[in-house]
């Protein structure tokens, strides 16, 4: 097994079920597994490892208590990685703008 593109560390390059490690960050690496034999062409297959960043921790803001007002302004945090989406978990409500564009 060898690294074709990107960067990765392979624990044991001759063992079929070895471990591979990539540093954090949104990057990929392509690894190639090769089986060969004397007098024959080798057989190869590639695997792509993609290390995605975790989404931003969601914070819906503080609880809101108001009297006799039917409109609420929600104050969730902005997603640095990923995208945000409001959903109704209990009760009934209409959400006018439920999501924000995904962050890539």
C-alpha atoms as a PDB file:
ATOM      1  CA  UNK A   1       0.000   0.000   0.000  1.00  0.00           C
ATOM      2  CA  UNK A   2       1.280   3.452  -0.842  1.00  0.00           C
ATOM      3  CA  UNK A   3       0.225   7.093  -0.915  1.00  0.00           C
ATOM      4  CA  UNK A   4      -0.710   8.249  -4.441  1.00  0.00           C
ATOM      5  CA  UNK A   5      -1.790  11.841  -3.663  1.00  0.00           C
ATOM      6  CA  UNK A   6      -2.038  13.942  -0.519  1.00  0.00           C
ATOM      7  CA  UNK A   7      -0.342  13.087   2.744  1.00  0.00           C
ATOM      8  CA  UNK A   8      -0.983  10.125   5.032  1.00  0.00           C
ATOM      9  CA  UNK A   9       0.916   7.785   7.299  1.00  0.00           C
ATOM     10  CA  UNK A  10       0.331   4.050   6.788  1.00  0.00           C
ATOM     11  CA  UNK A  11       1.099   1.874   9.824  1.00  0.00           C
ATOM     12  CA  UNK A  12       2.028  -1.280   7.871  1.00  0.00           C
ATOM     13  CA  UNK A  13       2.257  -0.971   4.073  1.00  0.00           C
ATOM     14  CA  UNK A  14       2.226  -4.758   3.512  1.00  0.00           C
ATOM     15  CA  UNK A  15      -0.785  -5.657   5.680  1.00  0.00           C
ATOM     16  CA  UNK A  16      -4.232  -5.457   3.994  1.00  0.00           C
ATOM     17  CA  UNK A  17      -6.145  -4.158   7.036  1.00  0.00           C
ATOM     18  CA  UNK A  18      -3.642  -1.655   8.423  1.00  0.00           C
ATOM     19  CA  UNK A  19      -4.360   1.801   9.841  1.00  0.00           C
ATOM     20  CA  UNK A  20      -3.795   5.090   8.065  1.00  0.00           C
ATOM     21  CA  UNK A  21      -3.599   8.480   9.725  1.00  0.00           C
ATOM     22  CA  UNK A  22      -4.234  11.949   8.306  1.00  0.00           C
ATOM     23  CA  UNK A  23      -3.782  15.257  10.003  1.00  0.00           C
ATOM     24  CA  UNK A  24      -6.942  17.247  10.696  1.00  0.00           C
ATOM     25  CA  UNK A  25      -8.249  19.646   8.094  1.00  0.00           C
ATOM     26  CA  UNK A  26     -10.458  19.315   5.058  1.00  0.00           C
ATOM     27  CA  UNK A  27      -8.047  17.536   2.760  1.00  0.00           C
ATOM     28  CA  UNK A  28      -7.959  14.191   1.041  1.00  0.00           C
ATOM     29  CA  UNK A  29      -5.385  11.530   0.286  1.00  0.00           C
ATOM     30  CA  UNK A  30      -5.483   8.692  -2.229  1.00  0.00           C
ATOM     31  CA  UNK A  31      -3.926   5.388  -1.182  1.00  0.00           C
ATOM     32  CA  UNK A  32      -3.201   2.483  -3.513  1.00  0.00           C
ATOM     33  CA  UNK A  33      -3.287  -1.217  -2.598  1.00  0.00           C
ATOM     34  CA  UNK A  34      -1.196  -3.357  -4.957  1.00  0.00           C
ATOM     35  CA  UNK A  35      -1.058  -7.139  -5.220  1.00  0.00           C
ATOM     36  CA  UNK A  36       1.754  -8.478  -7.346  1.00  0.00           C
ATOM     37  CA  UNK A  37       3.271 -11.773  -8.348  1.00  0.00           C
ATOM     38  CA  UNK A  38       6.377 -12.747 -10.303  1.00  0.00           C
ATOM     39  CA  UNK A  39       5.822 -12.769 -14.124  1.00  0.00           C
ATOM     40  CA  UNK A  40       2.343 -11.206 -13.913  1.00  0.00           C
ATOM     41  CA  UNK A  41       1.085  -7.647 -14.117  1.00  0.00           C
ATOM     42  CA  UNK A  42       0.174  -6.240 -10.694  1.00  0.00           C
ATOM     43  CA  UNK A  43      -3.410  -5.639  -9.654  1.00  0.00           C
ATOM     44  CA  UNK A  44      -4.135  -2.264  -8.013  1.00  0.00           C
ATOM     45  CA  UNK A  45      -7.058  -0.425  -6.490  1.00  0.00           C
ATOM     46  CA  UNK A  46      -7.257   3.034  -4.939  1.00  0.00           C
ATOM     47  CA  UNK A  47      -9.134   4.318  -1.902  1.00  0.00           C
ATOM     48  CA  UNK A  48      -9.744   8.018  -1.232  1.00  0.00           C
ATOM     49  CA  UNK A  49      -9.642   9.233   2.373  1.00  0.00           C
ATOM     50  CA  UNK A  50     -11.458  12.516   3.046  1.00  0.00           C
ATOM     51  CA  UNK A  51     -11.044  14.216   6.389  1.00  0.00           C
ATOM     52  CA  UNK A  52     -14.000  16.600   6.846  1.00  0.00           C
ATOM     53  CA  UNK A  53     -14.055  19.297   9.468  1.00  0.00           C
ATOM     54  CA  UNK A  54     -16.651  18.877  12.234  1.00  0.00           C
ATOM     55  CA  UNK A  55     -19.652  21.222  12.049  1.00  0.00           C
ATOM     56  CA  UNK A  56     -19.765  24.232  14.348  1.00  0.00           C
ATOM     57  CA  UNK A  57     -21.326  23.470  17.765  1.00  0.00           C
ATOM     58  CA  UNK A  58     -24.943  24.638  17.643  1.00  0.00           C
ATOM     59  CA  UNK A  59     -26.064  27.270  20.134  1.00  0.00           C
ATOM     60  CA  UNK A  60     -29.773  28.196  19.898  1.00  0.00           C
ATOM     61  CA  UNK A  61     -29.408  31.186  22.237  1.00  0.00           C
ATOM     62  CA  UNK A  62     -31.199  31.862  25.507  1.00  0.00           C
ATOM     63  CA  UNK A  63     -34.793  30.790  26.196  1.00  0.00           C
ATOM     64  CA  UNK A  64     -37.396  33.429  25.343  1.00  0.00           C
ATOM     65  CA  UNK A  65     -40.388  34.254  27.581  1.00  0.00           C
ATOM     66  CA  UNK A  66     -42.744  37.048  26.467  1.00  0.00           C
ATOM     67  CA  UNK A  67     -46.326  38.051  27.165  1.00  0.00           C
ATOM     68  CA  UNK A  68     -49.038  38.354  24.524  1.00  0.00           C
ATOM     69  CA  UNK A  69     -46.660  38.669  21.547  1.00  0.00           C
ATOM     70  CA  UNK A  70     -46.864  36.010  18.844  1.00  0.00           C
ATOM     71  CA  UNK A  71     -43.601  36.812  17.057  1.00  0.00           C
ATOM     72  CA  UNK A  72     -40.210  35.716  18.376  1.00  0.00           C
ATOM     73  CA  UNK A  73     -36.750  36.596  17.090  1.00  0.00           C
ATOM     74  CA  UNK A  74     -34.451  33.589  17.340  1.00  0.00           C
ATOM     75  CA  UNK A  75     -30.748  34.131  17.978  1.00  0.00           C
ATOM     76  CA  UNK A  76     -28.816  30.999  17.049  1.00  0.00           C
ATOM     77  CA  UNK A  77     -25.103  31.194  16.361  1.00  0.00           C
ATOM     78  CA  UNK A  78     -23.634  31.401  12.849  1.00  0.00           C
ATOM     79  CA  UNK A  79     -22.217  28.161  11.470  1.00  0.00           C
ATOM     80  CA  UNK A  80     -18.526  28.594  10.670  1.00  0.00           C
ATOM     81  CA  UNK A  81     -18.437  25.047   9.285  1.00  0.00           C
ATOM     82  CA  UNK A  82     -21.680  23.487   8.037  1.00  0.00           C
ATOM     83  CA  UNK A  83     -25.119  25.084   7.786  1.00  0.00           C
ATOM     84  CA  UNK A  84     -27.817  25.982  10.305  1.00  0.00           C
ATOM     85  CA  UNK A  85     -31.454  24.828  10.291  1.00  0.00           C
ATOM     86  CA  UNK A  86     -34.290  25.654  12.691  1.00  0.00           C
ATOM     87  CA  UNK A  87     -36.929  22.924  13.234  1.00  0.00           C
ATOM     88  CA  UNK A  88     -39.981  22.672  15.488  1.00  0.00           C
ATOM     89  CA  UNK A  89     -39.381  19.952  18.106  1.00  0.00           C
ATOM     90  CA  UNK A  90     -42.490  20.349  20.292  1.00  0.00           C
ATOM     91  CA  UNK A  91     -45.643  22.438  19.992  1.00  0.00           C
ATOM     92  CA  UNK A  92     -46.644  24.347  16.871  1.00  0.00           C
ATOM     93  CA  UNK A  93     -44.793  27.187  15.219  1.00  0.00           C
ATOM     94  CA  UNK A  94     -44.115  28.668  11.812  1.00  0.00           C
ATOM     95  CA  UNK A  95     -40.500  29.403  11.015  1.00  0.00           C
ATOM     96  CA  UNK A  96     -40.199  32.039   8.281  1.00  0.00           C
ATOM     97  CA  UNK A  97     -36.505  31.508   7.463  1.00  0.00           C
ATOM     98  CA  UNK A  98     -35.514  28.047   8.663  1.00  0.00           C
ATOM     99  CA  UNK A  99     -32.002  27.739   7.257  1.00  0.00           C
ATOM    100  CA  UNK A 100     -28.954  29.668   6.190  1.00  0.00           C
ATOM    101  CA  UNK A 101     -26.779  28.864   3.227  1.00  0.00           C
ATOM    102  CA  UNK A 102     -24.232  26.124   3.835  1.00  0.00           C
ATOM    103  CA  UNK A 103     -20.679  27.092   4.623  1.00  0.00           C
ATOM    104  CA  UNK A 104     -18.202  25.053   2.601  1.00  0.00           C
END
